Amino acid sequence: MKIKTGDEVKVITGHYKGTVSTVLAVFPKENKIIV
């Protein structure tokens, strides 16, 4: 599955667990996104 800028994602770990947010930036080489 590809995640793109503008997609809605749900945080599954960390302090914001359970929060639904919109993807602002994607870094595929680092396997990271900014929400």
PDB file of N, CA and C in Angstrom:
ATOM      1  N   MET A   1       0.842  -1.174   0.000  1.00  0.00           N
ATOM      2  CA  MET A   1       0.000   0.000   0.000  1.00  0.00           C
ATOM      3  C   MET A   1       0.893   1.245   0.000  1.00  0.00           C
ATOM      4  N   LYS A   2       0.584   2.181  -0.854  1.00  0.00           N
ATOM      5  CA  LYS A   2       1.350   3.422  -0.944  1.00  0.00           C
ATOM      6  C   LYS A   2       0.623   4.523  -0.182  1.00  0.00           C
ATOM      7  N   ILE A   3       1.360   5.242   0.644  1.00  0.00           N
ATOM      8  CA  ILE A   3       0.813   6.374   1.385  1.00  0.00           C
ATOM      9  C   ILE A   3       1.264   7.644   0.685  1.00  0.00           C
ATOM     10  N   LYS A   4       0.300   8.529   0.405  1.00  0.00           N
ATOM     11  CA  LYS A   4       0.582   9.756  -0.318  1.00  0.00           C
ATOM     12  C   LYS A   4       0.238  10.961   0.548  1.00  0.00           C
ATOM     13  N   THR A   5       0.781  12.115   0.193  1.00  0.00           N
ATOM     14  CA  THR A   5       0.437  13.363   0.858  1.00  0.00           C
ATOM     15  C   THR A   5      -1.061  13.597   0.723  1.00  0.00           C
ATOM     16  N   GLY A   6      -1.707  13.933   1.827  1.00  0.00           N
ATOM     17  CA  GLY A   6      -3.146  14.181   1.827  1.00  0.00           C
ATOM     18  C   GLY A   6      -3.971  13.004   2.321  1.00  0.00           C
ATOM     19  N   ASP A   7      -3.375  11.818   2.412  1.00  0.00           N
ATOM     20  CA  ASP A   7      -4.083  10.643   2.930  1.00  0.00           C
ATOM     21  C   ASP A   7      -4.331  10.811   4.428  1.00  0.00           C
ATOM     22  N   GLU A   8      -5.431  10.218   4.905  1.00  0.00           N
ATOM     23  CA  GLU A   8      -5.693  10.206   6.342  1.00  0.00           C
ATOM     24  C   GLU A   8      -5.142   8.924   6.930  1.00  0.00           C
ATOM     25  N   VAL A   9      -4.393   9.046   8.025  1.00  0.00           N
ATOM     26  CA  VAL A   9      -3.782   7.887   8.677  1.00  0.00           C
ATOM     27  C   VAL A   9      -4.099   7.920  10.167  1.00  0.00           C
ATOM     28  N   LYS A  10      -4.029   6.753  10.808  1.00  0.00           N
ATOM     29  CA  LYS A  10      -4.253   6.634  12.247  1.00  0.00           C
ATOM     30  C   LYS A  10      -2.933   6.274  12.913  1.00  0.00           C
ATOM     31  N   VAL A  11      -2.557   7.034  13.937  1.00  0.00           N
ATOM     32  CA  VAL A  11      -1.324   6.787  14.680  1.00  0.00           C
ATOM     33  C   VAL A  11      -1.527   5.551  15.549  1.00  0.00           C
ATOM     34  N   ILE A  12      -0.578   4.585  15.467  1.00  0.00           N
ATOM     35  CA  ILE A  12      -0.748   3.326  16.203  1.00  0.00           C
ATOM     36  C   ILE A  12       0.213   3.170  17.376  1.00  0.00           C
ATOM     37  N   THR A  13       1.224   4.045  17.480  1.00  0.00           N
ATOM     38  CA  THR A  13       2.147   3.987  18.621  1.00  0.00           C
ATOM     39  C   THR A  13       2.505   5.400  19.061  1.00  0.00           C
ATOM     40  N   GLY A  14       3.016   5.508  20.272  1.00  0.00           N
ATOM     41  CA  GLY A  14       3.508   6.781  20.767  1.00  0.00           C
ATOM     42  C   GLY A  14       2.466   7.582  21.525  1.00  0.00           C
ATOM     43  N   HIS A  15       2.827   8.814  21.835  1.00  0.00           N
ATOM     44  CA  HIS A  15       1.996   9.702  22.642  1.00  0.00           C
ATOM     45  C   HIS A  15       0.654  10.000  21.976  1.00  0.00           C
ATOM     46  N   TYR A  16       0.619  10.074  20.650  1.00  0.00           N
ATOM     47  CA  TYR A  16      -0.590  10.428  19.913  1.00  0.00           C
ATOM     48  C   TYR A  16      -1.344   9.205  19.404  1.00  0.00           C
ATOM     49  N   LYS A  17      -1.161   8.067  20.043  1.00  0.00           N
ATOM     50  CA  LYS A  17      -1.807   6.808  19.647  1.00  0.00           C
ATOM     51  C   LYS A  17      -3.322   6.993  19.546  1.00  0.00           C
ATOM     52  N   GLY A  18      -3.888   6.524  18.420  1.00  0.00           N
ATOM     53  CA  GLY A  18      -5.322   6.604  18.201  1.00  0.00           C
ATOM     54  C   GLY A  18      -5.772   7.844  17.456  1.00  0.00           C
ATOM     55  N   THR A  19      -4.889   8.811  17.298  1.00  0.00           N
ATOM     56  CA  THR A  19      -5.223  10.044  16.603  1.00  0.00           C
ATOM     57  C   THR A  19      -5.275   9.810  15.097  1.00  0.00           C
ATOM     58  N   VAL A  20      -6.288  10.385  14.439  1.00  0.00           N
ATOM     59  CA  VAL A  20      -6.377  10.335  12.980  1.00  0.00           C
ATOM     60  C   VAL A  20      -5.920  11.687  12.457  1.00  0.00           C
ATOM     61  N   SER A  21      -4.999  11.682  11.489  1.00  0.00           N
ATOM     62  CA  SER A  21      -4.438  12.918  10.974  1.00  0.00           C
ATOM     63  C   SER A  21      -4.164  12.794   9.480  1.00  0.00           C
ATOM     64  N   THR A  22      -3.874  13.920   8.842  1.00  0.00           N
ATOM     65  CA  THR A  22      -3.579  13.967   7.411  1.00  0.00           C
ATOM     66  C   THR A  22      -2.069  13.997   7.195  1.00  0.00           C
ATOM     67  N   VAL A  23      -1.599  13.253   6.204  1.00  0.00           N
ATOM     68  CA  VAL A  23      -0.173  13.195   5.883  1.00  0.00           C
ATOM     69  C   VAL A  23       0.249  14.507   5.219  1.00  0.00           C
ATOM     70  N   LEU A  24       1.288  15.142   5.760  1.00  0.00           N
ATOM     71  CA  LEU A  24       1.801  16.395   5.208  1.00  0.00           C
ATOM     72  C   LEU A  24       3.010  16.177   4.310  1.00  0.00           C
ATOM     73  N   ALA A  25       3.853  15.186   4.646  1.00  0.00           N
ATOM     74  CA  ALA A  25       5.058  14.907   3.864  1.00  0.00           C
ATOM     75  C   ALA A  25       5.384  13.427   3.955  1.00  0.00           C
ATOM     76  N   VAL A  26       5.981  12.893   2.875  1.00  0.00           N
ATOM     77  CA  VAL A  26       6.347  11.478   2.808  1.00  0.00           C
ATOM     78  C   VAL A  26       7.821  11.374   2.438  1.00  0.00           C
ATOM     79  N   PHE A  27       8.559  10.514   3.171  1.00  0.00           N
ATOM     80  CA  PHE A  27       9.969  10.255   2.900  1.00  0.00           C
ATOM     81  C   PHE A  27      10.154   8.756   2.687  1.00  0.00           C
ATOM     82  N   PRO A  28       9.915   8.253   1.459  1.00  0.00           N
ATOM     83  CA  PRO A  28       9.930   6.804   1.216  1.00  0.00           C
ATOM     84  C   PRO A  28      11.284   6.141   1.447  1.00  0.00           C
ATOM     85  N   LYS A  29      12.381   6.820   1.178  1.00  0.00           N
ATOM     86  CA  LYS A  29      13.700   6.212   1.380  1.00  0.00           C
ATOM     87  C   LYS A  29      13.984   5.973   2.854  1.00  0.00           C
ATOM     88  N   GLU A  30      13.398   6.804   3.722  1.00  0.00           N
ATOM     89  CA  GLU A  30      13.600   6.686   5.166  1.00  0.00           C
ATOM     90  C   GLU A  30      12.447   5.956   5.844  1.00  0.00           C
ATOM     91  N   ASN A  31      11.411   5.580   5.074  1.00  0.00           N
ATOM     92  CA  ASN A  31      10.197   4.949   5.617  1.00  0.00           C
ATOM     93  C   ASN A  31       9.560   5.803   6.704  1.00  0.00           C
ATOM     94  N   LYS A  32       9.451   7.110   6.450  1.00  0.00           N
ATOM     95  CA  LYS A  32       8.876   8.034   7.423  1.00  0.00           C
ATOM     96  C   LYS A  32       7.846   8.933   6.757  1.00  0.00           C
ATOM     97  N   ILE A  33       6.884   9.393   7.577  1.00  0.00           N
ATOM     98  CA  ILE A  33       5.929  10.398   7.126  1.00  0.00           C
ATOM     99  C   ILE A  33       5.784  11.452   8.217  1.00  0.00           C
ATOM    100  N   ILE A  34       5.310  12.635   7.822  1.00  0.00           N
ATOM    101  CA  ILE A  34       4.991  13.693   8.778  1.00  0.00           C
ATOM    102  C   ILE A  34       3.497  13.939   8.681  1.00  0.00           C
ATOM    103  N   VAL A  35       2.832  13.889   9.843  1.00  0.00           N
ATOM    104  CA  VAL A  35       1.373  14.093   9.877  1.00  0.00           C
ATOM    105  C   VAL A  35       1.038  15.371  10.601  1.00  0.00           C
TER     106      VAL A  35
END
